[in-house]
Amino acid sequence: NSSKAPRLHLHTLAPKSYVTLEHNGQDIHINKNEIFGYQLA
């Protein structure tokens, strides 16, 4: 709603089993095996 684009942290340098999504002012952890992919701006 604040017209702020979401940001995705892939954790490639220090690999983790999840990605972190900054969305609506919150950090959301989503397991990598629960998403197909993402679209850049």
Full PDB file with SEQRES, HELIX, SHEET, SSBOND, CRYST1, ORIGX, SCALE, CONECT and MASTER records, all heavy atoms in Angstrom:
SEQRES   1 A   41  ASN SER SER LYS ALA PRO ARG LEU HIS LEU HIS THR LEU          
SEQRES   2 A   41  ALA PRO LYS SER TYR VAL THR LEU GLU HIS ASN GLY GLN          
SEQRES   3 A   41  ASP ILE HIS ILE ASN LYS ASN GLU ILE PHE GLY TYR GLN          
SEQRES   4 A   41  LEU ALA                                                      
HELIX    1 AA1 LYS A   32  GLU A   34  5                                   3    
SHEET    1 AA1 3 ARG A   7  HIS A   9  0                                        
SHEET    2 AA1 3 TYR A  18  HIS A  23 -1                                        
SHEET    3 AA1 3 GLN A  26  ASN A  31 -1                                        
CRYST1    1.000    1.000    1.000  90.00  90.00  90.00 P 1           1          
ORIGX1      1.000000  0.000000  0.000000        0.00000                         
ORIGX2      0.000000  1.000000  0.000000        0.00000                         
ORIGX3      0.000000  0.000000  1.000000        0.00000                         
SCALE1      1.000000  0.000000  0.000000        0.00000                         
SCALE2      0.000000  1.000000  0.000000        0.00000                         
SCALE3      0.000000  0.000000  1.000000        0.00000                         
ATOM      1  N   ASN A   1       0.807  -1.228   0.000  1.00  0.00           N  
ATOM      2  CA  ASN A   1       0.000   0.000   0.000  1.00  0.00           C  
ATOM      3  C   ASN A   1       0.835   1.271   0.000  1.00  0.00           C  
ATOM      4  O   ASN A   1       0.399   2.295  -0.502  1.00  0.00           O  
ATOM      5  CB  ASN A   1      -0.938   0.010   1.219  1.00  0.00           C  
ATOM      6  CG  ASN A   1      -1.922  -1.134   1.157  1.00  0.00           C  
ATOM      7  OD1 ASN A   1      -2.232  -1.632   0.083  1.00  0.00           O  
ATOM      8  ND2 ASN A   1      -2.403  -1.564   2.312  1.00  0.00           N  
ATOM      9  N   SER A   2       2.022   1.231   0.549  1.00  0.00           N  
ATOM     10  CA  SER A   2       2.863   2.422   0.608  1.00  0.00           C  
ATOM     11  C   SER A   2       3.642   2.620  -0.691  1.00  0.00           C  
ATOM     12  O   SER A   2       4.507   3.472  -0.762  1.00  0.00           O  
ATOM     13  CB  SER A   2       3.848   2.326   1.783  1.00  0.00           C  
ATOM     14  OG  SER A   2       4.778   1.293   1.529  1.00  0.00           O  
ATOM     15  N   SER A   3       3.300   1.842  -1.694  1.00  0.00           N  
ATOM     16  CA  SER A   3       3.934   1.848  -3.016  1.00  0.00           C  
ATOM     17  C   SER A   3       5.434   1.574  -2.934  1.00  0.00           C  
ATOM     18  O   SER A   3       6.203   1.993  -3.776  1.00  0.00           O  
ATOM     19  CB  SER A   3       3.661   3.153  -3.767  1.00  0.00           C  
ATOM     20  OG  SER A   3       4.374   4.234  -3.208  1.00  0.00           O  
ATOM     21  N   LYS A   4       5.834   0.865  -1.898  1.00  0.00           N  
ATOM     22  CA  LYS A   4       7.218   0.460  -1.745  1.00  0.00           C  
ATOM     23  C   LYS A   4       7.375  -0.952  -2.325  1.00  0.00           C  
ATOM     24  O   LYS A   4       6.642  -1.862  -1.961  1.00  0.00           O  
ATOM     25  CB  LYS A   4       7.615   0.472  -0.271  1.00  0.00           C  
ATOM     26  CG  LYS A   4       9.063   0.196  -0.027  1.00  0.00           C  
ATOM     27  CD  LYS A   4       9.394   0.315   1.447  1.00  0.00           C  
ATOM     28  CE  LYS A   4      10.846  -0.035   1.681  1.00  0.00           C  
ATOM     29  NZ  LYS A   4      11.160  -0.023   3.103  1.00  0.00           N  
ATOM     30  N   ALA A   5       8.333  -1.099  -3.235  1.00  0.00           N  
ATOM     31  CA  ALA A   5       8.541  -2.398  -3.869  1.00  0.00           C  
ATOM     32  C   ALA A   5       9.086  -3.398  -2.846  1.00  0.00           C  
ATOM     33  O   ALA A   5       9.933  -3.056  -2.027  1.00  0.00           O  
ATOM     34  CB  ALA A   5       9.527  -2.269  -5.027  1.00  0.00           C  
ATOM     35  N   PRO A   6       8.595  -4.639  -2.893  1.00  0.00           N  
ATOM     36  CA  PRO A   6       9.130  -5.654  -1.987  1.00  0.00           C  
ATOM     37  C   PRO A   6      10.594  -5.939  -2.314  1.00  0.00           C  
ATOM     38  O   PRO A   6      11.034  -5.750  -3.447  1.00  0.00           O  
ATOM     39  CB  PRO A   6       8.272  -6.884  -2.262  1.00  0.00           C  
ATOM     40  CG  PRO A   6       7.285  -6.522  -3.288  1.00  0.00           C  
ATOM     41  CD  PRO A   6       7.546  -5.154  -3.759  1.00  0.00           C  
ATOM     42  N   ARG A   7      11.341  -6.366  -1.316  1.00  0.00           N  
ATOM     43  CA  ARG A   7      12.742  -6.748  -1.508  1.00  0.00           C  
ATOM     44  C   ARG A   7      12.897  -8.205  -1.095  1.00  0.00           C  
ATOM     45  O   ARG A   7      12.324  -8.643  -0.101  1.00  0.00           O  
ATOM     46  CB  ARG A   7      13.666  -5.875  -0.670  1.00  0.00           C  
ATOM     47  CG  ARG A   7      13.760  -4.464  -1.166  1.00  0.00           C  
ATOM     48  CD  ARG A   7      14.863  -3.728  -0.400  1.00  0.00           C  
ATOM     49  NE  ARG A   7      14.996  -2.372  -0.866  1.00  0.00           N  
ATOM     50  CZ  ARG A   7      15.804  -1.975  -1.846  1.00  0.00           C  
ATOM     51  NH1 ARG A   7      16.535  -2.861  -2.460  1.00  0.00           N  
ATOM     52  NH2 ARG A   7      15.877  -0.726  -2.198  1.00  0.00           N  
ATOM     53  N   LEU A   8      13.696  -8.902  -1.863  1.00  0.00           N  
ATOM     54  CA  LEU A   8      13.917 -10.316  -1.621  1.00  0.00           C  
ATOM     55  C   LEU A   8      15.384 -10.548  -1.281  1.00  0.00           C  
ATOM     56  O   LEU A   8      16.271 -10.113  -2.009  1.00  0.00           O  
ATOM     57  CB  LEU A   8      13.547 -11.124  -2.870  1.00  0.00           C  
ATOM     58  CG  LEU A   8      13.592 -12.632  -2.753  1.00  0.00           C  
ATOM     59  CD1 LEU A   8      12.517 -13.129  -1.792  1.00  0.00           C  
ATOM     60  CD2 LEU A   8      13.404 -13.263  -4.115  1.00  0.00           C  
ATOM     61  N   HIS A   9      15.634 -11.199  -0.169  1.00  0.00           N  
ATOM     62  CA  HIS A   9      16.984 -11.590   0.243  1.00  0.00           C  
ATOM     63  C   HIS A   9      17.105 -13.092  -0.012  1.00  0.00           C  
ATOM     64  O   HIS A   9      16.401 -13.888   0.601  1.00  0.00           O  
ATOM     65  CB  HIS A   9      17.210 -11.296   1.731  1.00  0.00           C  
ATOM     66  CG  HIS A   9      17.075  -9.851   2.085  1.00  0.00           C  
ATOM     67  ND1 HIS A   9      18.131  -8.984   2.055  1.00  0.00           N  
ATOM     68  CD2 HIS A   9      15.993  -9.119   2.452  1.00  0.00           C  
ATOM     69  CE1 HIS A   9      17.717  -7.774   2.397  1.00  0.00           C  
ATOM     70  NE2 HIS A   9      16.421  -7.829   2.638  1.00  0.00           N  
ATOM     71  N   LEU A  10      18.010 -13.460  -0.904  1.00  0.00           N  
ATOM     72  CA  LEU A  10      18.150 -14.863  -1.292  1.00  0.00           C  
ATOM     73  C   LEU A  10      19.084 -15.657  -0.392  1.00  0.00           C  
ATOM     74  O   LEU A  10      19.081 -16.879  -0.425  1.00  0.00           O  
ATOM     75  CB  LEU A  10      18.649 -14.953  -2.735  1.00  0.00           C  
ATOM     76  CG  LEU A  10      17.693 -14.376  -3.772  1.00  0.00           C  
ATOM     77  CD1 LEU A  10      18.368 -14.291  -5.125  1.00  0.00           C  
ATOM     78  CD2 LEU A  10      16.433 -15.217  -3.844  1.00  0.00           C  
ATOM     79  N   HIS A  11      19.903 -14.969   0.392  1.00  0.00           N  
ATOM     80  CA  HIS A  11      20.865 -15.619   1.286  1.00  0.00           C  
ATOM     81  C   HIS A  11      21.783 -16.557   0.503  1.00  0.00           C  
ATOM     82  O   HIS A  11      21.930 -17.730   0.837  1.00  0.00           O  
ATOM     83  CB  HIS A  11      20.163 -16.378   2.410  1.00  0.00           C  
ATOM     84  CG  HIS A  11      19.212 -15.552   3.202  1.00  0.00           C  
ATOM     85  ND1 HIS A  11      19.625 -14.514   4.015  1.00  0.00           N  
ATOM     86  CD2 HIS A  11      17.855 -15.568   3.284  1.00  0.00           C  
ATOM     87  CE1 HIS A  11      18.561 -13.950   4.577  1.00  0.00           C  
ATOM     88  NE2 HIS A  11      17.487 -14.558   4.142  1.00  0.00           N  
ATOM     89  N   THR A  12      22.416 -16.022  -0.550  1.00  0.00           N  
ATOM     90  CA  THR A  12      23.321 -16.845  -1.354  1.00  0.00           C  
ATOM     91  C   THR A  12      24.741 -16.866  -0.798  1.00  0.00           C  
ATOM     92  O   THR A  12      25.451 -17.841  -0.996  1.00  0.00           O  
ATOM     93  CB  THR A  12      23.367 -16.339  -2.814  1.00  0.00           C  
ATOM     94  OG1 THR A  12      23.699 -14.956  -2.806  1.00  0.00           O  
ATOM     95  CG2 THR A  12      22.044 -16.544  -3.506  1.00  0.00           C  
ATOM     96  N   LEU A  13      25.142 -15.813  -0.132  1.00  0.00           N  
ATOM     97  CA  LEU A  13      26.505 -15.765   0.406  1.00  0.00           C  
ATOM     98  C   LEU A  13      26.653 -16.622   1.652  1.00  0.00           C  
ATOM     99  O   LEU A  13      27.675 -17.266   1.855  1.00  0.00           O  
ATOM    100  CB  LEU A  13      26.910 -14.321   0.695  1.00  0.00           C  
ATOM    101  CG  LEU A  13      26.917 -13.411  -0.538  1.00  0.00           C  
ATOM    102  CD1 LEU A  13      27.173 -11.970  -0.149  1.00  0.00           C  
ATOM    103  CD2 LEU A  13      27.952 -13.893  -1.529  1.00  0.00           C  
ATOM    104  N   ALA A  14      25.655 -16.617   2.487  1.00  0.00           N  
ATOM    105  CA  ALA A  14      25.590 -17.496   3.650  1.00  0.00           C  
ATOM    106  C   ALA A  14      24.296 -18.292   3.478  1.00  0.00           C  
ATOM    107  O   ALA A  14      23.241 -17.910   3.974  1.00  0.00           O  
ATOM    108  CB  ALA A  14      25.564 -16.697   4.935  1.00  0.00           C  
ATOM    109  N   PRO A  15      24.345 -19.381   2.702  1.00  0.00           N  
ATOM    110  CA  PRO A  15      23.136 -20.101   2.298  1.00  0.00           C  
ATOM    111  C   PRO A  15      22.237 -20.513   3.463  1.00  0.00           C  
ATOM    112  O   PRO A  15      22.700 -20.974   4.497  1.00  0.00           O  
ATOM    113  CB  PRO A  15      23.681 -21.327   1.572  1.00  0.00           C  
ATOM    114  CG  PRO A  15      25.046 -20.943   1.131  1.00  0.00           C  
ATOM    115  CD  PRO A  15      25.554 -20.004   2.185  1.00  0.00           C  
ATOM    116  N   LYS A  16      20.961 -20.279   3.245  1.00  0.00           N  
ATOM    117  CA  LYS A  16      19.923 -20.691   4.195  1.00  0.00           C  
ATOM    118  C   LYS A  16      18.850 -21.427   3.415  1.00  0.00           C  
ATOM    119  O   LYS A  16      18.775 -21.335   2.203  1.00  0.00           O  
ATOM    120  CB  LYS A  16      19.335 -19.465   4.896  1.00  0.00           C  
ATOM    121  CG  LYS A  16      20.368 -18.734   5.737  1.00  0.00           C  
ATOM    122  CD  LYS A  16      19.772 -17.568   6.475  1.00  0.00           C  
ATOM    123  CE  LYS A  16      20.881 -16.927   7.312  1.00  0.00           C  
ATOM    124  NZ  LYS A  16      20.494 -15.710   7.920  1.00  0.00           N  
ATOM    125  N   SER A  17      17.986 -22.128   4.114  1.00  0.00           N  
ATOM    126  CA  SER A  17      16.932 -22.905   3.454  1.00  0.00           C  
ATOM    127  C   SER A  17      15.716 -22.051   3.127  1.00  0.00           C  
ATOM    128  O   SER A  17      14.736 -22.552   2.601  1.00  0.00           O  
ATOM    129  CB  SER A  17      16.518 -24.079   4.339  1.00  0.00           C  
ATOM    130  OG  SER A  17      15.988 -23.592   5.565  1.00  0.00           O  
ATOM    131  N   TYR A  18      15.794 -20.773   3.423  1.00  0.00           N  
ATOM    132  CA  TYR A  18      14.659 -19.883   3.169  1.00  0.00           C  
ATOM    133  C   TYR A  18      15.136 -18.586   2.534  1.00  0.00           C  
ATOM    134  O   TYR A  18      16.321 -18.276   2.520  1.00  0.00           O  
ATOM    135  CB  TYR A  18      13.914 -19.574   4.478  1.00  0.00           C  
ATOM    136  CG  TYR A  18      14.769 -18.898   5.523  1.00  0.00           C  
ATOM    137  CD1 TYR A  18      14.915 -17.515   5.547  1.00  0.00           C  
ATOM    138  CD2 TYR A  18      15.432 -19.645   6.482  1.00  0.00           C  
ATOM    139  CE1 TYR A  18      15.696 -16.885   6.503  1.00  0.00           C  
ATOM    140  CE2 TYR A  18      16.230 -19.029   7.441  1.00  0.00           C  
ATOM    141  CZ  TYR A  18      16.348 -17.655   7.452  1.00  0.00           C  
ATOM    142  OH  TYR A  18      17.135 -17.045   8.388  1.00  0.00           O  
ATOM    143  N   VAL A  19      14.176 -17.847   1.983  1.00  0.00           N  
ATOM    144  CA  VAL A  19      14.419 -16.489   1.510  1.00  0.00           C  
ATOM    145  C   VAL A  19      13.722 -15.559   2.487  1.00  0.00           C  
ATOM    146  O   VAL A  19      12.794 -15.966   3.198  1.00  0.00           O  
ATOM    147  CB  VAL A  19      13.885 -16.257   0.073  1.00  0.00           C  
ATOM    148  CG1 VAL A  19      14.612 -17.140  -0.922  1.00  0.00           C  
ATOM    149  CG2 VAL A  19      12.383 -16.465  -0.007  1.00  0.00           C  
ATOM    150  N   THR A  20      14.164 -14.324   2.559  1.00  0.00           N  
ATOM    151  CA  THR A  20      13.513 -13.330   3.403  1.00  0.00           C  
ATOM    152  C   THR A  20      12.907 -12.279   2.488  1.00  0.00           C  
ATOM    153  O   THR A  20      13.590 -11.713   1.641  1.00  0.00           O  
ATOM    154  CB  THR A  20      14.503 -12.673   4.372  1.00  0.00           C  
ATOM    155  OG1 THR A  20      15.112 -13.703   5.167  1.00  0.00           O  
ATOM    156  CG2 THR A  20      13.796 -11.690   5.296  1.00  0.00           C  
ATOM    157  N   LEU A  21      11.633 -12.041   2.670  1.00  0.00           N  
ATOM    158  CA  LEU A  21      10.900 -11.091   1.850  1.00  0.00           C  
ATOM    159  C   LEU A  21      10.506  -9.902   2.716  1.00  0.00           C  
ATOM    160  O   LEU A  21       9.838 -10.080   3.742  1.00  0.00           O  
ATOM    161  CB  LEU A  21       9.655 -11.772   1.277  1.00  0.00           C  
ATOM    162  CG  LEU A  21       8.782 -10.972   0.347  1.00  0.00           C  
ATOM    163  CD1 LEU A  21       9.508 -10.700  -0.967  1.00  0.00           C  
ATOM    164  CD2 LEU A  21       7.496 -11.720   0.071  1.00  0.00           C  
ATOM    165  N   GLU A  22      10.959  -8.699   2.334  1.00  0.00           N  
ATOM    166  CA  GLU A  22      10.524  -7.474   3.008  1.00  0.00           C  
ATOM    167  C   GLU A  22       9.251  -7.015   2.308  1.00  0.00           C  
ATOM    168  O   GLU A  22       9.296  -6.586   1.153  1.00  0.00           O  
ATOM    169  CB  GLU A  22      11.590  -6.388   2.889  1.00  0.00           C  
ATOM    170  CG  GLU A  22      12.830  -6.624   3.691  1.00  0.00           C  
ATOM    171  CD  GLU A  22      13.848  -5.511   3.506  1.00  0.00           C  
ATOM    172  OE1 GLU A  22      13.478  -4.384   3.121  1.00  0.00           O  
ATOM    173  OE2 GLU A  22      15.034  -5.786   3.726  1.00  0.00           O  
ATOM    174  N   HIS A  23       8.125  -7.120   2.994  1.00  0.00           N  
ATOM    175  CA  HIS A  23       6.836  -6.800   2.389  1.00  0.00           C  
ATOM    176  C   HIS A  23       5.932  -6.145   3.437  1.00  0.00           C  
ATOM    177  O   HIS A  23       5.784  -6.661   4.538  1.00  0.00           O  
ATOM    178  CB  HIS A  23       6.185  -8.086   1.854  1.00  0.00           C  
ATOM    179  CG  HIS A  23       4.918  -7.855   1.110  1.00  0.00           C  
ATOM    180  ND1 HIS A  23       3.691  -8.048   1.667  1.00  0.00           N  
ATOM    181  CD2 HIS A  23       4.701  -7.442  -0.158  1.00  0.00           C  
ATOM    182  CE1 HIS A  23       2.763  -7.774   0.779  1.00  0.00           C  
ATOM    183  NE2 HIS A  23       3.358  -7.399  -0.336  1.00  0.00           N  
ATOM    184  N   ASN A  24       5.350  -5.014   3.094  1.00  0.00           N  
ATOM    185  CA  ASN A  24       4.472  -4.269   4.012  1.00  0.00           C  
ATOM    186  C   ASN A  24       5.161  -3.993   5.347  1.00  0.00           C  
ATOM    187  O   ASN A  24       4.551  -4.090   6.409  1.00  0.00           O  
ATOM    188  CB  ASN A  24       3.159  -5.014   4.255  1.00  0.00           C  
ATOM    189  CG  ASN A  24       2.216  -4.926   3.083  1.00  0.00           C  
ATOM    190  OD1 ASN A  24       2.274  -3.990   2.287  1.00  0.00           O  
ATOM    191  ND2 ASN A  24       1.345  -5.910   2.953  1.00  0.00           N  
ATOM    192  N   GLY A  25       6.441  -3.700   5.298  1.00  0.00           N  
ATOM    193  CA  GLY A  25       7.178  -3.363   6.516  1.00  0.00           C  
ATOM    194  C   GLY A  25       7.536  -4.542   7.386  1.00  0.00           C  
ATOM    195  O   GLY A  25       8.025  -4.361   8.498  1.00  0.00           O  
ATOM    196  N   GLN A  26       7.288  -5.749   6.921  1.00  0.00           N  
ATOM    197  CA  GLN A  26       7.605  -6.939   7.709  1.00  0.00           C  
ATOM    198  C   GLN A  26       8.593  -7.824   6.953  1.00  0.00           C  
ATOM    199  O   GLN A  26       8.605  -7.852   5.725  1.00  0.00           O  
ATOM    200  CB  GLN A  26       6.343  -7.760   7.983  1.00  0.00           C  
ATOM    201  CG  GLN A  26       5.321  -7.066   8.836  1.00  0.00           C  
ATOM    202  CD  GLN A  26       4.118  -7.966   9.057  1.00  0.00           C  
ATOM    203  OE1 GLN A  26       3.713  -8.716   8.182  1.00  0.00           O  
ATOM    204  NE2 GLN A  26       3.551  -7.884  10.252  1.00  0.00           N  
ATOM    205  N   ASP A  27       9.388  -8.562   7.705  1.00  0.00           N  
ATOM    206  CA  ASP A  27      10.258  -9.575   7.121  1.00  0.00           C  
ATOM    207  C   ASP A  27       9.546 -10.916   7.205  1.00  0.00           C  
ATOM    208  O   ASP A  27       9.159 -11.359   8.299  1.00  0.00           O  
ATOM    209  CB  ASP A  27      11.594  -9.665   7.867  1.00  0.00           C  
ATOM    210  CG  ASP A  27      12.520  -8.509   7.546  1.00  0.00           C  
ATOM    211  OD1 ASP A  27      12.235  -7.753   6.590  1.00  0.00           O  
ATOM    212  OD2 ASP A  27      13.539  -8.357   8.251  1.00  0.00           O  
ATOM    213  N   ILE A  28       9.352 -11.545   6.056  1.00  0.00           N  
ATOM    214  CA  ILE A  28       8.664 -12.831   5.975  1.00  0.00           C  
ATOM    215  C   ILE A  28       9.675 -13.867   5.497  1.00  0.00           C  
ATOM    216  O   ILE A  28      10.336 -13.668   4.476  1.00  0.00           O  
ATOM    217  CB  ILE A  28       7.479 -12.755   4.991  1.00  0.00           C  
ATOM    218  CG1 ILE A  28       6.509 -11.653   5.415  1.00  0.00           C  
ATOM    219  CG2 ILE A  28       6.775 -14.096   4.885  1.00  0.00           C  
ATOM    220  CD1 ILE A  28       5.491 -11.294   4.351  1.00  0.00           C  
ATOM    221  N   HIS A  29       9.796 -14.971   6.221  1.00  0.00           N  
ATOM    222  CA  HIS A  29      10.671 -16.071   5.815  1.00  0.00           C  
ATOM    223  C   HIS A  29       9.832 -17.100   5.072  1.00  0.00           C  
ATOM    224  O   HIS A  29       8.816 -17.558   5.573  1.00  0.00           O  
ATOM    225  CB  HIS A  29      11.342 -16.734   7.023  1.00  0.00           C  
ATOM    226  CG  HIS A  29      12.251 -15.813   7.777  1.00  0.00           C  
ATOM    227  ND1 HIS A  29      13.389 -15.266   7.218  1.00  0.00           N  
ATOM    228  CD2 HIS A  29      12.196 -15.340   9.037  1.00  0.00           C  
ATOM    229  CE1 HIS A  29      13.979 -14.496   8.108  1.00  0.00           C  
ATOM    230  NE2 HIS A  29      13.277 -14.522   9.226  1.00  0.00           N  
ATOM    231  N   ILE A  30      10.279 -17.454   3.874  1.00  0.00           N  
ATOM    232  CA  ILE A  30       9.586 -18.459   3.061  1.00  0.00           C  
ATOM    233  C   ILE A  30      10.619 -19.505   2.669  1.00  0.00           C  
ATOM    234  O   ILE A  30      11.681 -19.169   2.140  1.00  0.00           O  
ATOM    235  CB  ILE A  30       8.975 -17.826   1.790  1.00  0.00           C  
ATOM    236  CG1 ILE A  30       8.028 -16.684   2.158  1.00  0.00           C  
ATOM    237  CG2 ILE A  30       8.240 -18.881   0.974  1.00  0.00           C  
ATOM    238  CD1 ILE A  30       7.545 -15.868   0.968  1.00  0.00           C  
ATOM    239  N   ASN A  31      10.310 -20.765   2.922  1.00  0.00           N  
ATOM    240  CA  ASN A  31      11.225 -21.838   2.543  1.00  0.00           C  
ATOM    241  C   ASN A  31      11.439 -21.821   1.037  1.00  0.00           C  
ATOM    242  O   ASN A  31      10.487 -21.641   0.279  1.00  0.00           O  
ATOM    243  CB  ASN A  31      10.678 -23.205   2.964  1.00  0.00           C  
ATOM    244  CG  ASN A  31      10.816 -23.430   4.447  1.00  0.00           C  
ATOM    245  OD1 ASN A  31      11.715 -22.891   5.087  1.00  0.00           O  
ATOM    246  ND2 ASN A  31       9.913 -24.223   5.006  1.00  0.00           N  
ATOM    247  N   LYS A  32      12.680 -22.019   0.621  1.00  0.00           N  
ATOM    248  CA  LYS A  32      13.002 -21.983  -0.803  1.00  0.00           C  
ATOM    249  C   LYS A  32      12.240 -23.046  -1.591  1.00  0.00           C  
ATOM    250  O   LYS A  32      11.901 -22.840  -2.741  1.00  0.00           O  
ATOM    251  CB  LYS A  32      14.511 -22.149  -1.012  1.00  0.00           C  
ATOM    252  CG  LYS A  32      15.298 -20.933  -0.594  1.00  0.00           C  
ATOM    253  CD  LYS A  32      16.782 -21.119  -0.818  1.00  0.00           C  
ATOM    254  CE  LYS A  32      17.540 -19.875  -0.392  1.00  0.00           C  
ATOM    255  NZ  LYS A  32      18.990 -20.046  -0.528  1.00  0.00           N  
ATOM    256  N   ASN A  33      11.949 -24.177  -0.957  1.00  0.00           N  
ATOM    257  CA  ASN A  33      11.223 -25.223  -1.671  1.00  0.00           C  
ATOM    258  C   ASN A  33       9.721 -24.942  -1.765  1.00  0.00           C  
ATOM    259  O   ASN A  33       8.981 -25.730  -2.343  1.00  0.00           O  
ATOM    260  CB  ASN A  33      11.487 -26.600  -1.045  1.00  0.00           C  
ATOM    261  CG  ASN A  33      11.017 -26.689   0.384  1.00  0.00           C  
ATOM    262  OD1 ASN A  33      10.466 -25.739   0.951  1.00  0.00           O  
ATOM    263  ND2 ASN A  33      11.261 -27.825   1.001  1.00  0.00           N  
ATOM    264  N   GLU A  34       9.265 -23.811  -1.212  1.00  0.00           N  
ATOM    265  CA  GLU A  34       7.853 -23.436  -1.287  1.00  0.00           C  
ATOM    266  C   GLU A  34       7.576 -22.350  -2.329  1.00  0.00           C  
ATOM    267  O   GLU A  34       6.445 -21.886  -2.446  1.00  0.00           O  
ATOM    268  CB  GLU A  34       7.355 -22.949   0.078  1.00  0.00           C  
ATOM    269  CG  GLU A  34       7.316 -24.043   1.122  1.00  0.00           C  
ATOM    270  CD  GLU A  34       6.876 -23.519   2.480  1.00  0.00           C  
ATOM    271  OE1 GLU A  34       6.528 -22.327   2.595  1.00  0.00           O  
ATOM    272  OE2 GLU A  34       6.885 -24.321   3.426  1.00  0.00           O  
ATOM    273  N   ILE A  35       8.616 -21.944  -3.071  1.00  0.00           N  
ATOM    274  CA  ILE A  35       8.397 -20.952  -4.124  1.00  0.00           C  
ATOM    275  C   ILE A  35       9.030 -21.450  -5.418  1.00  0.00           C  
ATOM    276  O   ILE A  35       9.999 -22.199  -5.411  1.00  0.00           O  
ATOM    277  CB  ILE A  35       8.952 -19.555  -3.769  1.00  0.00           C  
ATOM    278  CG1 ILE A  35      10.471 -19.559  -3.635  1.00  0.00           C  
ATOM    279  CG2 ILE A  35       8.304 -19.006  -2.531  1.00  0.00           C  
ATOM    280  CD1 ILE A  35      11.067 -18.169  -3.487  1.00  0.00           C  
ATOM    281  N   PHE A  36       8.432 -21.047  -6.529  1.00  0.00           N  
ATOM    282  CA  PHE A  36       8.998 -21.367  -7.837  1.00  0.00           C  
ATOM    283  C   PHE A  36      10.064 -20.343  -8.203  1.00  0.00           C  
ATOM    284  O   PHE A  36      11.147 -20.691  -8.634  1.00  0.00           O  
ATOM    285  CB  PHE A  36       7.892 -21.382  -8.897  1.00  0.00           C  
ATOM    286  CG  PHE A  36       8.418 -21.542 -10.300  1.00  0.00           C  
ATOM    287  CD1 PHE A  36       8.849 -22.766 -10.755  1.00  0.00           C  
ATOM    288  CD2 PHE A  36       8.480 -20.454 -11.148  1.00  0.00           C  
ATOM    289  CE1 PHE A  36       9.346 -22.915 -12.043  1.00  0.00           C  
ATOM    290  CE2 PHE A  36       8.972 -20.583 -12.439  1.00  0.00           C  
ATOM    291  CZ  PHE A  36       9.407 -21.824 -12.886  1.00  0.00           C  
ATOM    292  N   GLY A  37       9.726 -19.059  -8.044  1.00  0.00           N  
ATOM    293  CA  GLY A  37      10.675 -18.036  -8.428  1.00  0.00           C  
ATOM    294  C   GLY A  37      10.190 -16.643  -8.099  1.00  0.00           C  
ATOM    295  O   GLY A  37       9.215 -16.459  -7.367  1.00  0.00           O  
ATOM    296  N   TYR A  38      10.852 -15.657  -8.679  1.00  0.00           N  
ATOM    297  CA  TYR A  38      10.519 -14.257  -8.425  1.00  0.00           C  
ATOM    298  C   TYR A  38      10.690 -13.459  -9.705  1.00  0.00           C  
ATOM    299  O   TYR A  38      11.396 -13.876 -10.630  1.00  0.00           O  
ATOM    300  CB  TYR A  38      11.406 -13.680  -7.317  1.00  0.00           C  
ATOM    301  CG  TYR A  38      12.884 -13.772  -7.575  1.00  0.00           C  
ATOM    302  CD1 TYR A  38      13.576 -12.733  -8.207  1.00  0.00           C  
ATOM    303  CD2 TYR A  38      13.606 -14.897  -7.196  1.00  0.00           C  
ATOM    304  CE1 TYR A  38      14.932 -12.824  -8.441  1.00  0.00           C  
ATOM    305  CE2 TYR A  38      14.965 -14.995  -7.432  1.00  0.00           C  
ATOM    306  CZ  TYR A  38      15.624 -13.954  -8.053  1.00  0.00           C  
ATOM    307  OH  TYR A  38      16.969 -14.040  -8.298  1.00  0.00           O  
ATOM    308  N   GLN A  39      10.014 -12.317  -9.761  1.00  0.00           N  
ATOM    309  CA  GLN A  39      10.122 -11.427 -10.910  1.00  0.00           C  
ATOM    310  C   GLN A  39      10.750 -10.123 -10.476  1.00  0.00           C  
ATOM    311  O   GLN A  39      10.296  -9.494  -9.521  1.00  0.00           O  
ATOM    312  CB  GLN A  39       8.744 -11.165 -11.514  1.00  0.00           C  
ATOM    313  CG  GLN A  39       8.801 -10.290 -12.749  1.00  0.00           C  
ATOM    314  CD  GLN A  39       7.463 -10.201 -13.435  1.00  0.00           C  
ATOM    315  OE1 GLN A  39       6.786 -11.198 -13.601  1.00  0.00           O  
ATOM    316  NE2 GLN A  39       7.073  -9.007 -13.825  1.00  0.00           N  
ATOM    317  N   LEU A  40      11.805  -9.730 -11.174  1.00  0.00           N  
ATOM    318  CA  LEU A  40      12.461  -8.456 -10.897  1.00  0.00           C  
ATOM    319  C   LEU A  40      11.631  -7.306 -11.444  1.00  0.00           C  
ATOM    320  O   LEU A  40      10.736  -7.508 -12.266  1.00  0.00           O  
ATOM    321  CB  LEU A  40      13.850  -8.420 -11.538  1.00  0.00           C  
ATOM    322  CG  LEU A  40      14.881  -9.413 -11.014  1.00  0.00           C  
ATOM    323  CD1 LEU A  40      16.183  -9.272 -11.796  1.00  0.00           C  
ATOM    324  CD2 LEU A  40      15.129  -9.218  -9.535  1.00  0.00           C  
ATOM    325  N   ALA A  41      11.963  -6.101 -11.013  1.00  0.00           N  
ATOM    326  CA  ALA A  41      11.247  -4.908 -11.466  1.00  0.00           C  
ATOM    327  C   ALA A  41      11.351  -4.728 -12.979  1.00  0.00           C  
ATOM    328  O   ALA A  41      10.443  -4.178 -13.600  1.00  0.00           O  
ATOM    329  CB  ALA A  41      11.775  -3.673 -10.742  1.00  0.00           C  
TER     330      ALA A  41                                                      
MASTER        0    0    0    1    3    0    0    6  329    1    0    4          
END                                                                             
